[in-house]
Every structure is written in C-alpha cells, then in structure tokens.
Amino acid sequence: MSLWFNGDPANTPQRMYVALSGTNGATGVVAHDDTNAAQIDRWTQWSIPLTEFSNQGVVLTRVQSVSIGFGDKNNPQPDGAGNVYFDDLRLERP
C-alpha cells in the first residue's frame, strides 16, 4: 500500500496512522515512523507492506474500509488542528 501526503509545520504535531478493516471484523493499524508526520511540509510517499495488516488478522482479499487518522486510533482525543493533503492512495498486490 502506498499514499502521498503533504502537511504543514503549523499543524498540531501528531502521529499519522492508516487502518484497514476487513469484513471478518479485524482491523490492522500501522503508524508512521515520524511522530510529527502532520507537520511534514512536502509531498512525501509512505509505503506500507500489506503484510503489516495481514499480520494483524486483516484478510487482504476482504478489505472493507481504509482509514487515515492522527493520534492514537485506540484512544482518540479531541485535540489537534491543521490540514494534511493526501493523493494517490494505492492498494496493490504484493
């Protein structure tokens, strides 16, 4: 899986994550290595091996949704502000 993103240094510093949810009820979450990813102010490609999701129980032939978020998916907090742009999100066979 890959996507491109472009943030802003004025954004609240937050870790970005991608979550894939499958029809089997499993959700795999992968966080970006940079804890301040929302502040990266250039187009940046983020490539994630699909095995990162399948190792968490997601059946890759049965993906139901893709989510992109900031902070902690398992403990959401009402904070953060700013804009991040996304482009060219791809799910590709390995």
N, C-alpha and C. Protein backbone atom coordinates (compact mmCIF):
# COMPACT_ATOMS: atom_id res chain seq x y z
N MET A 1 0.85 -1.16 0.00
CA MET A 1 0.00 0.00 0.00
C MET A 1 0.89 1.22 0.00
N SER A 2 0.47 2.24 -0.69
CA SER A 2 1.23 3.49 -0.65
C SER A 2 0.27 4.67 -0.76
N LEU A 3 0.73 5.78 -0.24
CA LEU A 3 0.00 7.04 -0.35
C LEU A 3 1.00 8.18 -0.28
N TRP A 4 0.58 9.32 -0.78
CA TRP A 4 1.38 10.54 -0.69
C TRP A 4 0.64 11.51 0.22
N PHE A 5 1.40 12.25 1.05
CA PHE A 5 0.79 13.24 1.91
C PHE A 5 1.66 14.48 2.00
N ASN A 6 1.03 15.58 2.36
CA ASN A 6 1.72 16.87 2.49
C ASN A 6 1.05 17.62 3.64
N GLY A 7 1.81 17.88 4.70
CA GLY A 7 1.27 18.55 5.87
C GLY A 7 1.68 20.01 5.92
N ASP A 8 1.74 20.54 7.14
CA ASP A 8 2.06 21.95 7.35
C ASP A 8 2.75 22.07 8.70
N PRO A 9 3.88 22.81 8.77
CA PRO A 9 4.58 22.96 10.05
C PRO A 9 3.70 23.59 11.14
N ALA A 10 2.64 24.31 10.76
CA ALA A 10 1.76 24.93 11.74
C ALA A 10 0.75 23.94 12.34
N ASN A 11 0.66 22.73 11.78
CA ASN A 11 -0.26 21.72 12.30
C ASN A 11 0.15 21.29 13.71
N THR A 12 -0.82 20.82 14.46
CA THR A 12 -0.53 20.20 15.74
C THR A 12 0.31 18.95 15.47
N PRO A 13 1.44 18.77 16.19
CA PRO A 13 2.25 17.57 15.95
C PRO A 13 1.49 16.31 16.37
N GLN A 14 1.28 15.43 15.42
CA GLN A 14 0.56 14.19 15.69
C GLN A 14 1.13 13.07 14.82
N ARG A 15 1.09 11.87 15.36
CA ARG A 15 1.47 10.70 14.57
C ARG A 15 0.30 10.34 13.65
N MET A 16 0.62 9.99 12.42
CA MET A 16 -0.38 9.60 11.44
C MET A 16 -0.46 8.07 11.40
N TYR A 17 -1.65 7.55 11.16
CA TYR A 17 -1.81 6.11 11.02
C TYR A 17 -2.74 5.79 9.86
N VAL A 18 -2.61 4.56 9.37
CA VAL A 18 -3.53 4.01 8.38
C VAL A 18 -4.12 2.75 9.00
N ALA A 19 -5.42 2.58 8.86
CA ALA A 19 -6.10 1.39 9.35
C ALA A 19 -6.86 0.74 8.20
N LEU A 20 -6.71 -0.57 8.08
CA LEU A 20 -7.51 -1.36 7.13
C LEU A 20 -8.43 -2.24 7.95
N SER A 21 -9.70 -2.24 7.62
CA SER A 21 -10.67 -3.10 8.29
C SER A 21 -11.21 -4.09 7.29
N GLY A 22 -11.32 -5.33 7.73
CA GLY A 22 -11.81 -6.38 6.86
C GLY A 22 -13.23 -6.79 7.21
N THR A 23 -13.85 -7.51 6.31
CA THR A 23 -15.21 -7.99 6.55
C THR A 23 -15.25 -9.03 7.67
N ASN A 24 -14.08 -9.57 8.06
CA ASN A 24 -14.03 -10.54 9.15
C ASN A 24 -14.00 -9.87 10.52
N GLY A 25 -14.05 -8.53 10.56
CA GLY A 25 -14.05 -7.81 11.82
C GLY A 25 -12.69 -7.38 12.31
N ALA A 26 -11.63 -7.85 11.67
CA ALA A 26 -10.27 -7.48 12.08
C ALA A 26 -9.91 -6.11 11.53
N THR A 27 -9.15 -5.36 12.32
CA THR A 27 -8.62 -4.07 11.88
C THR A 27 -7.13 -4.05 12.15
N GLY A 28 -6.36 -3.74 11.13
CA GLY A 28 -4.92 -3.59 11.28
C GLY A 28 -4.56 -2.11 11.22
N VAL A 29 -3.70 -1.68 12.14
CA VAL A 29 -3.31 -0.28 12.23
C VAL A 29 -1.79 -0.19 12.12
N VAL A 30 -1.32 0.71 11.25
CA VAL A 30 0.12 0.96 11.09
C VAL A 30 0.35 2.45 11.26
N ALA A 31 1.27 2.80 12.17
CA ALA A 31 1.59 4.19 12.43
C ALA A 31 2.84 4.61 11.66
N HIS A 32 2.86 5.85 11.24
CA HIS A 32 4.02 6.41 10.55
C HIS A 32 5.19 6.50 11.53
N ASP A 33 6.40 6.31 11.03
CA ASP A 33 7.59 6.35 11.88
C ASP A 33 7.82 7.73 12.50
N ASP A 34 7.44 8.78 11.79
CA ASP A 34 7.66 10.14 12.27
C ASP A 34 6.48 10.57 13.14
N THR A 35 6.74 10.82 14.42
CA THR A 35 5.66 11.20 15.33
C THR A 35 5.08 12.57 15.00
N ASN A 36 5.75 13.32 14.16
CA ASN A 36 5.26 14.64 13.74
C ASN A 36 4.91 14.66 12.25
N ALA A 37 4.41 13.55 11.74
CA ALA A 37 4.13 13.43 10.30
C ALA A 37 3.19 14.52 9.80
N ALA A 38 2.27 14.98 10.62
CA ALA A 38 1.32 16.01 10.20
C ALA A 38 2.00 17.33 9.86
N GLN A 39 3.25 17.50 10.30
CA GLN A 39 3.97 18.75 10.08
C GLN A 39 4.95 18.69 8.90
N ILE A 40 5.05 17.55 8.24
CA ILE A 40 5.96 17.43 7.10
C ILE A 40 5.37 18.24 5.94
N ASP A 41 6.09 19.27 5.51
CA ASP A 41 5.53 20.21 4.54
C ASP A 41 6.06 20.03 3.12
N ARG A 42 6.14 18.79 2.70
CA ARG A 42 6.50 18.47 1.31
C ARG A 42 5.77 17.17 0.97
N TRP A 43 5.52 16.97 -0.32
CA TRP A 43 4.89 15.71 -0.72
C TRP A 43 5.81 14.56 -0.39
N THR A 44 5.31 13.64 0.41
CA THR A 44 6.09 12.52 0.92
C THR A 44 5.34 11.23 0.65
N GLN A 45 6.04 10.25 0.09
CA GLN A 45 5.41 8.94 -0.13
C GLN A 45 5.60 8.08 1.11
N TRP A 46 4.53 7.42 1.49
CA TRP A 46 4.56 6.48 2.61
C TRP A 46 4.15 5.13 2.05
N SER A 47 5.08 4.18 2.06
CA SER A 47 4.82 2.82 1.59
C SER A 47 4.71 1.89 2.79
N ILE A 48 3.66 1.08 2.80
CA ILE A 48 3.42 0.15 3.90
C ILE A 48 3.24 -1.24 3.30
N PRO A 49 4.09 -2.20 3.68
CA PRO A 49 3.87 -3.57 3.20
C PRO A 49 2.50 -4.08 3.69
N LEU A 50 1.74 -4.69 2.81
CA LEU A 50 0.42 -5.19 3.19
C LEU A 50 0.49 -6.25 4.28
N THR A 51 1.64 -6.90 4.42
CA THR A 51 1.80 -7.88 5.49
C THR A 51 1.67 -7.23 6.87
N GLU A 52 1.92 -5.91 6.96
CA GLU A 52 1.73 -5.21 8.24
C GLU A 52 0.26 -5.32 8.69
N PHE A 53 -0.65 -5.39 7.74
CA PHE A 53 -2.07 -5.50 8.06
C PHE A 53 -2.50 -6.97 8.18
N SER A 54 -2.03 -7.81 7.27
CA SER A 54 -2.42 -9.22 7.33
C SER A 54 -1.88 -9.89 8.59
N ASN A 55 -0.73 -9.45 9.09
CA ASN A 55 -0.20 -9.99 10.34
C ASN A 55 -1.07 -9.63 11.54
N GLN A 56 -1.97 -8.67 11.37
CA GLN A 56 -2.90 -8.27 12.43
C GLN A 56 -4.29 -8.87 12.21
N GLY A 57 -4.38 -9.82 11.28
CA GLY A 57 -5.64 -10.55 11.07
C GLY A 57 -6.52 -10.06 9.95
N VAL A 58 -6.12 -9.00 9.24
CA VAL A 58 -6.93 -8.50 8.13
C VAL A 58 -6.77 -9.43 6.93
N VAL A 59 -7.88 -9.90 6.38
CA VAL A 59 -7.86 -10.72 5.18
C VAL A 59 -7.83 -9.75 4.00
N LEU A 60 -6.71 -9.74 3.29
CA LEU A 60 -6.48 -8.72 2.27
C LEU A 60 -7.41 -8.81 1.08
N THR A 61 -8.02 -9.95 0.86
CA THR A 61 -9.00 -10.08 -0.23
C THR A 61 -10.39 -9.64 0.20
N ARG A 62 -10.52 -9.22 1.45
CA ARG A 62 -11.82 -8.81 2.01
C ARG A 62 -11.74 -7.49 2.77
N VAL A 63 -10.99 -6.53 2.21
CA VAL A 63 -10.88 -5.22 2.85
C VAL A 63 -12.19 -4.47 2.68
N GLN A 64 -12.72 -3.96 3.78
CA GLN A 64 -13.99 -3.24 3.76
C GLN A 64 -13.78 -1.73 3.80
N SER A 65 -12.76 -1.28 4.54
CA SER A 65 -12.54 0.17 4.62
C SER A 65 -11.07 0.48 4.86
N VAL A 66 -10.70 1.68 4.44
CA VAL A 66 -9.37 2.23 4.67
C VAL A 66 -9.57 3.54 5.42
N SER A 67 -8.87 3.72 6.53
CA SER A 67 -8.97 4.95 7.32
C SER A 67 -7.60 5.56 7.49
N ILE A 68 -7.53 6.86 7.44
CA ILE A 68 -6.31 7.60 7.73
C ILE A 68 -6.65 8.52 8.89
N GLY A 69 -5.80 8.50 9.92
CA GLY A 69 -6.08 9.32 11.08
C GLY A 69 -4.82 9.83 11.74
N PHE A 70 -5.00 10.58 12.81
CA PHE A 70 -3.89 11.17 13.55
C PHE A 70 -4.09 10.93 15.04
N GLY A 71 -3.00 10.75 15.75
CA GLY A 71 -3.07 10.47 17.18
C GLY A 71 -3.10 8.97 17.41
N ASP A 72 -3.87 8.53 18.39
CA ASP A 72 -3.97 7.12 18.77
C ASP A 72 -5.35 6.61 18.39
N LYS A 73 -5.42 5.73 17.41
CA LYS A 73 -6.72 5.21 16.95
C LYS A 73 -7.48 4.54 18.08
N ASN A 74 -6.77 3.86 18.98
CA ASN A 74 -7.42 3.13 20.06
C ASN A 74 -7.79 4.01 21.25
N ASN A 75 -7.31 5.24 21.26
CA ASN A 75 -7.62 6.17 22.35
C ASN A 75 -7.76 7.58 21.78
N PRO A 76 -8.79 7.82 20.97
CA PRO A 76 -8.93 9.13 20.32
C PRO A 76 -9.15 10.25 21.33
N GLN A 77 -8.51 11.38 21.06
CA GLN A 77 -8.63 12.56 21.91
C GLN A 77 -9.08 13.74 21.05
N PRO A 78 -9.92 14.62 21.59
CA PRO A 78 -10.39 15.77 20.82
C PRO A 78 -9.36 16.91 20.82
N ASP A 79 -8.28 16.70 20.13
CA ASP A 79 -7.26 17.75 20.02
C ASP A 79 -6.67 17.71 18.62
N GLY A 80 -5.84 18.64 18.33
CA GLY A 80 -5.20 18.69 17.03
C GLY A 80 -5.93 19.63 16.09
N ALA A 81 -5.14 20.26 15.24
CA ALA A 81 -5.71 21.19 14.26
C ALA A 81 -4.75 21.30 13.09
N GLY A 82 -5.30 21.59 11.92
CA GLY A 82 -4.47 21.80 10.75
C GLY A 82 -5.02 21.08 9.54
N ASN A 83 -4.24 21.09 8.48
CA ASN A 83 -4.62 20.45 7.23
C ASN A 83 -3.49 19.56 6.74
N VAL A 84 -3.87 18.39 6.25
CA VAL A 84 -2.94 17.49 5.59
C VAL A 84 -3.63 17.05 4.30
N TYR A 85 -2.89 17.09 3.21
CA TYR A 85 -3.43 16.70 1.91
C TYR A 85 -2.92 15.31 1.55
N PHE A 86 -3.79 14.52 0.91
CA PHE A 86 -3.45 13.16 0.51
C PHE A 86 -3.69 13.00 -0.98
N ASP A 87 -2.89 12.13 -1.59
CA ASP A 87 -3.03 11.86 -3.01
C ASP A 87 -2.54 10.45 -3.30
N ASP A 88 -3.05 9.89 -4.35
CA ASP A 88 -2.55 8.65 -4.95
C ASP A 88 -2.46 7.49 -3.95
N LEU A 89 -3.56 7.24 -3.24
CA LEU A 89 -3.63 6.10 -2.33
C LEU A 89 -3.80 4.83 -3.16
N ARG A 90 -2.95 3.84 -2.92
CA ARG A 90 -2.99 2.61 -3.72
C ARG A 90 -2.89 1.38 -2.83
N LEU A 91 -3.72 0.41 -3.13
CA LEU A 91 -3.60 -0.93 -2.56
C LEU A 91 -3.20 -1.82 -3.72
N GLU A 92 -2.04 -2.43 -3.63
CA GLU A 92 -1.53 -3.25 -4.74
C GLU A 92 -1.17 -4.63 -4.24
N ARG A 93 -1.36 -5.59 -5.09
CA ARG A 93 -0.94 -6.95 -4.75
C ARG A 93 0.56 -7.00 -4.56
N PRO A 94 1.00 -7.75 -3.55
CA PRO A 94 2.46 -7.85 -3.32
C PRO A 94 3.17 -8.57 -4.45
